[in-house]
Amino acid sequence: MRSYAIPLVPGPVSVPDAVRAVYAVDYGSADLEEEFFELYERCERKLQHVLGASTQVTIQTGEGMLALWGALKSVVRPGDRVLAVGTGLFGVGIGEMAQQIGAEVEVVEFPFDSIVDPTPVREAARRFRPKLITAVHCETPSGALNPLEELGQISREVDALFYVDFVASGGGVPVDVDRCAIDLGLLGSQKVLSLPPDLSMVTVSERAWEVVEAVNYAGYDALKPWHRGPAQRYLPYTHNWSALAALDVALDLLLTEGMEAVYARHAAVAASCRRALEGMGVRLFPQREEYNSPTVTAAYVPDGWTWPELDRALRIQGMAVGGNYGDLAGKVFRIGHMGSQANAALVERGMEVLRRVLSRTA
C-alpha cells in the first residue's frame, strides 16, 4: 500500500512518530493489571480537560462509529421520539440510524452548504417533544461547523437528552461539553487526536446515565458496562492497551502545547488553506466562510476537472485529499488539516502541489 508524502485526508490522519512508537510496546492483559486501570483513569481526566467536560468519559475499543451507535442504542428504545438536526450527510444519517432502532424520527434539515438555525429546531422540539435531540458539530463532507450552545438550551427546555457527534472537531475546536449541555458527546481517535481508528469515546452526563440504566441495552457497543466497570476493575471485553497508551501520549501532546494554542494553530492553518484555494480560483463550498470548520476545508472540484481526474493527478504528485459522499460526491472535495495535519508547512506544500496541477490546464 502506497503512503503519501503530503497526507491531507480528513481522517484517519497521519499518526505522529511519538504516538506510533507506543504500539511497539508489549503490554500485559488489560483485564488483570492495575496499571491499565490507572492509565484508563488518567486518559479520562485528560479527555475531560480537552472537551470541557466534568462528566464521565467512556473509552471503548472500536472506531468512532461505535460511539455513535452505542450511545444511540443505549438511550433509545423502539417508539421513542428522536429529533435529528442535519446540515449534512452525518446529521441526517443519525436520524436514519435511530429509525433502524425503531425510533419515531423527525429531521430538521438545512442545506448542506449552511449551518444550523436554532429557531426551526426550537419550534420542532416544542411541538414534537423528543426524548433525544441529535446534532453534528463538524460536518466533514461539507466542511461546516455548527453552533451547539443554543441547541443544548433547547434540549433542556423540552427535557430531551442532547447527543452530539464531535468526532471531527473535538480537540481542534472548543467543544465545551458542560457549557453546551451535551449529554452524550461522541469522539473518535482517528481525527484530531491523531491515532489509528482504534478507540471511541463518549462523554456521558448523569441525566444520560439514568436513561442508560433504564434502557439496559446489552451489546458490544453498550455504554452501561462502562458506568461503573472501570472503577470496579471490571471490563466487558479485553481492552486495547496499546491504543490507550497511545491516547495518553496524544493527549499529552495537545495539553503540553496548550489548548488555546492548539485552537489557534488549527484556525491559522485553515485560513491559510482557504486563502491559497481562493488564489487559485477554487471556490469554497459553504455559503459563507465563517461556516467553515478549522479542521477541514471543503471546496468545489475546479472547473474543467472531474473528481477522479483531480484525485489521480494529486496522488501522482504524492498528495492525498478526500473525496465526498451522497449528493456532494464528485462535486466537492475535502482537505483535512486536523490534528497532526494542522501543520502550516504541510498544508503549504499541499497547496503548491495543487497549484502546479491546476496550472497545467490553465
Protein backbone atom coordinates (compact mmCIF):
# COMPACT_ATOMS: atom_id res chain seq x y z
CA MET A 1 0.00 0.00 0.00
CA ARG A 2 1.40 3.36 -1.04
CA SER A 3 1.92 6.06 1.59
CA TYR A 4 1.68 9.72 0.65
CA ALA A 5 4.28 12.41 1.38
CA ILE A 6 1.51 15.01 1.72
CA PRO A 7 -1.37 13.39 3.64
CA LEU A 8 -4.32 15.79 3.77
CA VAL A 9 -7.30 13.46 4.02
CA PRO A 10 -9.93 14.38 6.64
CA GLY A 11 -9.22 11.26 8.69
CA PRO A 12 -7.76 8.91 9.52
CA VAL A 13 -4.97 11.44 9.81
CA SER A 14 -1.23 10.89 9.85
CA VAL A 15 -0.05 9.36 13.15
CA PRO A 16 2.92 11.14 14.78
CA ASP A 17 6.06 9.13 15.48
CA ALA A 18 5.70 9.53 19.26
CA VAL A 19 2.22 8.02 19.11
CA ARG A 20 3.14 5.29 16.63
CA ALA A 21 6.07 4.17 18.80
CA VAL A 22 3.74 3.21 21.65
CA TYR A 23 2.25 0.42 19.56
CA ALA A 24 5.61 -1.38 19.54
CA VAL A 25 5.48 -1.94 23.31
CA ASP A 26 4.40 -5.38 24.53
CA TYR A 27 1.66 -4.72 27.11
CA GLY A 28 0.02 -7.13 29.53
CA SER A 29 -3.63 -8.08 29.95
CA ALA A 30 -5.92 -5.08 30.39
CA ASP A 31 -8.38 -7.27 32.31
CA LEU A 32 -5.90 -8.09 35.06
CA GLU A 33 -3.44 -5.26 35.61
CA GLU A 34 -3.99 -2.32 37.94
CA GLU A 35 -1.59 -0.33 35.78
CA PHE A 36 -4.10 -0.46 32.92
CA PHE A 37 -6.96 0.91 35.01
CA GLU A 38 -4.77 3.73 36.28
CA LEU A 39 -3.93 4.55 32.66
CA TYR A 40 -7.63 4.50 31.77
CA GLU A 41 -8.46 6.93 34.58
CA ARG A 42 -5.58 9.20 33.59
CA CYS A 43 -6.80 9.34 29.98
CA GLU A 44 -10.34 10.04 31.14
CA ARG A 45 -9.19 13.04 33.19
CA LYS A 46 -7.24 14.42 30.25
CA LEU A 47 -10.21 13.98 27.91
CA GLN A 48 -12.39 15.86 30.38
CA HIS A 49 -9.94 18.75 30.24
CA VAL A 50 -9.72 18.76 26.44
CA LEU A 51 -13.50 18.56 25.98
CA GLY A 52 -14.59 20.90 28.78
CA ALA A 53 -16.47 18.07 30.46
CA SER A 54 -16.99 17.41 34.15
CA THR A 55 -18.99 14.32 33.17
CA GLN A 56 -17.70 10.76 32.96
CA VAL A 57 -15.94 9.83 29.70
CA THR A 58 -16.05 6.25 28.43
CA ILE A 59 -13.18 4.93 26.33
CA GLN A 60 -14.10 1.88 24.26
CA THR A 61 -12.28 -0.29 21.75
CA GLY A 62 -13.63 0.40 18.28
CA GLU A 63 -13.74 3.01 15.53
CA GLY A 64 -15.71 6.24 16.01
CA MET A 65 -18.94 4.81 14.62
CA LEU A 66 -19.04 2.54 17.66
CA ALA A 67 -19.57 5.66 19.78
CA LEU A 68 -22.41 6.86 17.53
CA TRP A 69 -24.22 3.52 17.52
CA GLY A 70 -23.50 2.60 21.13
CA ALA A 71 -24.70 5.88 22.57
CA LEU A 72 -27.84 5.82 20.42
CA LYS A 73 -28.80 2.24 21.25
CA SER A 74 -28.02 2.80 24.93
CA VAL A 75 -30.68 5.53 25.35
CA VAL A 76 -33.29 4.89 22.63
CA ARG A 77 -35.97 2.20 22.60
CA PRO A 78 -38.35 1.44 19.73
CA GLY A 79 -41.09 4.07 19.68
CA ASP A 80 -39.01 6.79 21.39
CA ARG A 81 -39.01 10.17 19.69
CA VAL A 82 -35.75 11.46 18.23
CA LEU A 83 -35.28 14.90 16.68
CA ALA A 84 -32.29 14.80 14.30
CA VAL A 85 -30.77 18.12 13.30
CA GLY A 86 -29.00 17.78 9.95
CA THR A 87 -26.79 20.13 7.93
CA GLY A 88 -25.04 17.33 6.14
CA LEU A 89 -24.76 13.64 5.47
CA PHE A 90 -23.93 12.62 9.03
CA GLY A 91 -26.55 14.74 10.77
CA VAL A 92 -29.29 13.32 8.56
CA GLY A 93 -27.69 9.89 8.85
CA ILE A 94 -28.03 9.83 12.63
CA GLY A 95 -31.78 10.17 12.15
CA GLU A 96 -31.68 7.19 9.79
CA MET A 97 -29.75 5.20 12.40
CA ALA A 98 -32.40 5.99 15.01
CA GLN A 99 -35.08 4.81 12.59
CA GLN A 100 -33.31 1.48 12.28
CA ILE A 101 -33.55 1.11 16.05
CA GLY A 102 -37.30 1.67 15.75
CA ALA A 103 -37.47 5.25 16.95
CA GLU A 104 -40.04 7.76 15.72
CA VAL A 105 -37.79 10.28 13.99
CA GLU A 106 -38.29 13.82 12.78
CA VAL A 107 -35.47 15.53 10.89
CA VAL A 108 -34.90 19.29 10.88
CA GLU A 109 -32.75 19.57 7.80
CA PHE A 110 -30.82 22.54 6.47
CA PRO A 111 -28.95 22.97 3.16
CA PHE A 112 -25.59 21.20 3.22
CA ASP A 113 -23.77 24.48 2.48
CA SER A 114 -25.18 26.15 5.60
CA ILE A 115 -25.23 25.70 9.37
CA VAL A 116 -27.97 25.17 11.98
CA ASP A 117 -30.56 27.87 12.58
CA PRO A 118 -31.85 27.24 16.12
CA THR A 119 -35.28 28.82 15.51
CA PRO A 120 -36.88 25.97 13.49
CA VAL A 121 -35.17 23.46 15.78
CA ARG A 122 -36.81 25.05 18.83
CA GLU A 123 -40.20 25.09 17.08
CA ALA A 124 -39.91 21.41 16.15
CA ALA A 125 -38.69 20.41 19.61
CA ARG A 126 -41.60 22.15 21.37
CA ARG A 127 -44.12 20.51 19.03
CA PHE A 128 -42.54 17.03 18.74
CA ARG A 129 -41.32 16.68 22.37
CA PRO A 130 -38.44 14.30 21.62
CA LYS A 131 -36.61 12.13 24.11
CA LEU A 132 -33.34 12.86 22.26
CA ILE A 133 -32.04 15.70 20.08
CA THR A 134 -29.06 14.84 17.86
CA ALA A 135 -26.60 17.07 16.02
CA VAL A 136 -23.16 17.04 14.40
CA HIS A 137 -20.62 19.69 15.36
CA CYS A 138 -18.32 19.41 12.33
CA GLU A 139 -19.92 18.01 9.19
CA THR A 140 -16.81 16.80 7.39
CA PRO A 141 -18.48 16.26 3.96
CA SER A 142 -19.46 19.94 3.82
CA GLY A 143 -16.65 21.35 5.96
CA ALA A 144 -19.12 23.26 8.15
CA LEU A 145 -19.05 23.83 11.91
CA ASN A 146 -22.42 24.04 13.66
CA PRO A 147 -23.20 26.09 16.79
CA LEU A 148 -24.10 23.92 19.77
CA GLU A 149 -24.88 26.05 22.80
CA GLU A 150 -28.40 27.10 21.82
CA LEU A 151 -29.24 23.54 20.76
CA GLY A 152 -28.24 22.44 24.25
CA GLN A 153 -30.55 25.07 25.72
CA ILE A 154 -33.39 23.80 23.54
CA SER A 155 -32.82 20.25 24.76
CA ARG A 156 -33.19 21.42 28.35
CA GLU A 157 -36.33 23.40 27.52
CA VAL A 158 -38.08 20.23 26.31
CA ASP A 159 -36.36 17.85 28.77
CA ALA A 160 -34.57 15.93 25.99
CA LEU A 161 -31.11 14.47 26.05
CA PHE A 162 -28.61 16.22 23.75
CA TYR A 163 -26.46 13.88 21.61
CA VAL A 164 -23.57 15.45 19.68
CA ASP A 165 -21.11 13.97 17.21
CA PHE A 166 -17.90 15.98 17.58
CA VAL A 167 -15.72 13.25 16.08
CA ALA A 168 -14.13 15.63 13.54
CA SER A 169 -13.82 18.68 15.80
CA GLY A 170 -13.05 17.55 19.36
CA GLY A 171 -9.55 18.63 20.33
CA GLY A 172 -9.12 21.05 17.42
CA VAL A 173 -12.09 23.32 18.15
CA PRO A 174 -13.54 24.32 21.55
CA VAL A 175 -16.35 21.87 22.32
CA ASP A 176 -17.32 22.82 25.92
CA VAL A 177 -19.48 19.84 26.84
CA ASP A 178 -20.66 21.38 30.12
CA ARG A 179 -21.46 24.83 28.72
CA CYS A 180 -23.33 23.37 25.74
CA ALA A 181 -25.33 20.96 27.95
CA ILE A 182 -24.18 17.94 25.95
CA ASP A 183 -25.43 14.70 27.48
CA LEU A 184 -23.76 12.32 25.04
CA GLY A 185 -20.65 13.66 23.29
CA LEU A 186 -19.05 11.38 20.71
CA LEU A 187 -15.40 11.27 19.71
CA GLY A 188 -13.13 9.02 17.63
CA SER A 189 -9.40 8.53 17.87
CA GLN A 190 -8.54 8.94 14.18
CA LYS A 191 -9.21 12.66 13.71
CA VAL A 192 -7.69 15.48 15.81
CA LEU A 193 -6.25 13.03 18.35
CA SER A 194 -4.14 11.60 15.50
CA LEU A 195 -4.32 7.92 16.45
CA PRO A 196 -5.30 4.98 14.25
CA PRO A 197 -9.08 4.29 14.22
CA ASP A 198 -8.86 2.15 17.38
CA LEU A 199 -10.88 3.95 20.06
CA SER A 200 -14.24 5.64 20.55
CA MET A 201 -15.05 7.94 23.45
CA VAL A 202 -18.34 9.21 24.85
CA THR A 203 -18.94 11.93 27.42
CA VAL A 204 -21.96 10.82 29.47
CA SER A 205 -23.92 13.14 31.76
CA GLU A 206 -25.70 11.99 34.90
CA ARG A 207 -29.01 12.59 33.10
CA ALA A 208 -27.85 10.28 30.33
CA TRP A 209 -26.66 7.58 32.76
CA GLU A 210 -30.14 7.44 34.28
CA VAL A 211 -31.58 6.71 30.83
CA VAL A 212 -28.80 4.23 30.02
CA GLU A 213 -29.61 2.27 33.18
CA ALA A 214 -33.34 2.30 32.39
CA VAL A 215 -32.93 1.20 28.76
CA ASN A 216 -30.49 -1.54 29.82
CA TYR A 217 -29.17 -2.17 26.31
CA ALA A 218 -26.69 -5.07 26.10
CA GLY A 219 -24.19 -5.34 23.27
CA TYR A 220 -20.52 -4.88 22.44
CA ASP A 221 -21.11 -1.15 21.92
CA ALA A 222 -23.28 -0.67 25.03
CA LEU A 223 -22.46 2.17 27.41
CA LYS A 224 -23.89 0.58 30.54
CA PRO A 225 -20.88 -1.62 31.46
CA TRP A 226 -18.67 1.49 31.41
CA HIS A 227 -20.72 3.35 34.02
CA ARG A 228 -19.15 1.54 36.96
CA GLY A 229 -16.98 -1.11 35.32
CA PRO A 230 -13.61 0.68 35.21
CA ALA A 231 -13.96 1.90 38.82
CA GLN A 232 -14.80 -1.65 39.92
CA ARG A 233 -11.90 -3.03 37.85
CA TYR A 234 -14.21 -4.88 35.51
CA LEU A 235 -14.30 -4.70 31.69
CA PRO A 236 -16.92 -6.19 29.34
CA TYR A 237 -14.14 -7.27 26.94
CA THR A 238 -10.35 -7.19 26.66
CA HIS A 239 -9.40 -3.57 26.01
CA ASN A 240 -6.77 -2.32 23.55
CA TRP A 241 -3.96 -1.38 25.95
CA SER A 242 -1.67 -0.26 23.14
CA ALA A 243 -4.27 2.18 21.82
CA LEU A 244 -4.99 3.53 25.28
CA ALA A 245 -1.27 4.10 25.91
CA ALA A 246 -1.09 5.89 22.55
CA LEU A 247 -4.09 8.01 23.53
CA ASP A 248 -2.25 9.04 26.69
CA VAL A 249 0.69 10.25 24.60
CA ALA A 250 -1.58 12.02 22.09
CA LEU A 251 -3.43 13.87 24.84
CA ASP A 252 -0.13 14.91 26.40
CA LEU A 253 0.93 16.40 23.08
CA LEU A 254 -2.21 18.55 23.00
CA LEU A 255 -2.07 19.57 26.66
CA THR A 256 1.65 20.38 26.54
CA GLU A 257 1.05 22.66 23.58
CA GLY A 258 -1.92 24.18 25.42
CA MET A 259 -5.48 24.02 24.15
CA GLU A 260 -5.69 27.71 23.23
CA ALA A 261 -2.53 27.32 21.17
CA VAL A 262 -3.96 24.15 19.55
CA TYR A 263 -7.14 26.01 18.58
CA ALA A 264 -5.13 28.94 17.21
CA ARG A 265 -2.94 26.58 15.17
CA HIS A 266 -5.97 24.93 13.57
CA ALA A 267 -7.60 28.28 12.81
CA ALA A 268 -4.43 29.74 11.26
CA VAL A 269 -3.74 26.70 9.08
CA ALA A 270 -7.38 26.62 7.93
CA ALA A 271 -7.32 30.31 6.99
CA SER A 272 -4.06 29.86 5.08
CA CYS A 273 -5.51 26.90 3.19
CA ARG A 274 -8.60 28.84 2.17
CA ARG A 275 -6.65 31.92 1.04
CA ALA A 276 -4.50 29.67 -1.13
CA LEU A 277 -7.54 27.98 -2.68
CA GLU A 278 -9.17 31.32 -3.43
CA GLY A 279 -5.92 32.49 -5.01
CA MET A 280 -6.16 29.55 -7.42
CA GLY A 281 -9.77 30.35 -8.24
CA VAL A 282 -11.09 27.32 -6.34
CA ARG A 283 -14.48 28.04 -4.76
CA LEU A 284 -15.08 27.15 -1.13
CA PHE A 285 -18.19 25.06 -0.58
CA PRO A 286 -20.23 26.55 2.30
CA GLN A 287 -22.20 29.69 1.51
CA ARG A 288 -20.12 31.81 3.91
CA GLU A 289 -16.56 31.32 5.07
CA GLU A 290 -17.48 31.75 8.74
CA TYR A 291 -19.37 28.46 8.41
CA ASN A 292 -16.09 26.61 7.77
CA SER A 293 -14.61 24.32 10.40
CA PRO A 294 -10.98 24.90 11.45
CA THR A 295 -10.37 21.16 11.00
CA VAL A 296 -11.44 20.61 7.39
CA THR A 297 -11.92 22.66 4.23
CA ALA A 298 -14.47 21.67 1.60
CA ALA A 299 -14.26 23.14 -1.88
CA TYR A 300 -15.84 22.62 -5.28
CA VAL A 301 -13.96 20.47 -7.77
CA PRO A 302 -12.38 23.07 -10.11
CA ASP A 303 -13.95 23.77 -13.47
CA GLY A 304 -12.57 21.56 -16.23
CA TRP A 305 -11.82 18.69 -13.84
CA THR A 306 -13.68 15.64 -12.70
CA TRP A 307 -13.01 14.40 -9.17
CA PRO A 308 -11.34 11.15 -10.36
CA GLU A 309 -9.03 13.16 -12.63
CA LEU A 310 -8.07 15.59 -9.87
CA ASP A 311 -7.59 12.85 -7.32
CA ARG A 312 -5.35 10.88 -9.69
CA ALA A 313 -3.26 13.95 -10.61
CA LEU A 314 -2.68 14.84 -6.95
CA ARG A 315 -1.78 11.28 -5.96
CA ILE A 316 0.81 11.10 -8.76
CA GLN A 317 2.41 14.10 -7.01
CA GLY A 318 2.34 12.32 -3.63
CA MET A 319 -0.67 14.15 -2.20
CA ALA A 320 -3.92 12.65 -0.90
CA VAL A 321 -7.06 14.64 -0.11
CA GLY A 322 -10.63 13.45 0.44
CA GLY A 323 -13.48 12.89 -1.96
CA ASN A 324 -17.11 13.04 -0.87
CA TYR A 325 -20.38 11.16 -0.43
CA GLY A 326 -24.03 11.31 -1.44
CA ASP A 327 -25.19 14.48 -3.20
CA LEU A 328 -21.70 16.00 -2.87
CA ALA A 329 -19.87 13.07 -4.47
CA GLY A 330 -17.88 14.21 -7.49
CA LYS A 331 -18.70 17.86 -6.82
CA VAL A 332 -16.91 18.75 -3.58
CA PHE A 333 -13.53 17.59 -2.28
CA ARG A 334 -12.06 17.99 1.20
CA ILE A 335 -8.71 18.93 2.69
CA GLY A 336 -8.14 17.63 6.21
CA HIS A 337 -5.99 19.94 8.35
CA MET A 338 -6.76 18.46 11.74
CA GLY A 339 -4.51 17.14 14.48
CA SER A 340 -1.06 16.28 13.14
CA GLN A 341 -2.10 17.67 9.74
CA ALA A 342 -2.87 21.14 11.15
CA ASN A 343 0.67 21.93 10.11
CA ALA A 344 1.42 25.11 8.18
CA ALA A 345 4.37 23.66 6.25
CA LEU A 346 2.43 20.53 5.28
CA VAL A 347 -0.57 22.48 4.01
CA GLU A 348 1.68 24.92 2.16
CA ARG A 349 3.33 22.00 0.36
CA GLY A 350 -0.10 20.65 -0.48
CA MET A 351 -1.29 23.96 -1.88
CA GLU A 352 1.83 24.19 -4.03
CA VAL A 353 1.12 20.74 -5.48
CA LEU A 354 -2.49 21.72 -6.20
CA ARG A 355 -1.32 24.96 -7.78
CA ARG A 356 1.04 23.07 -10.12
CA VAL A 357 -1.61 20.52 -11.04
CA LEU A 358 -4.26 23.14 -11.84
CA SER A 359 -1.82 25.32 -13.81
CA ARG A 360 -1.40 22.53 -16.35
CA THR A 361 -4.92 23.17 -17.64
CA ALA A 362 -4.75 26.96 -17.46
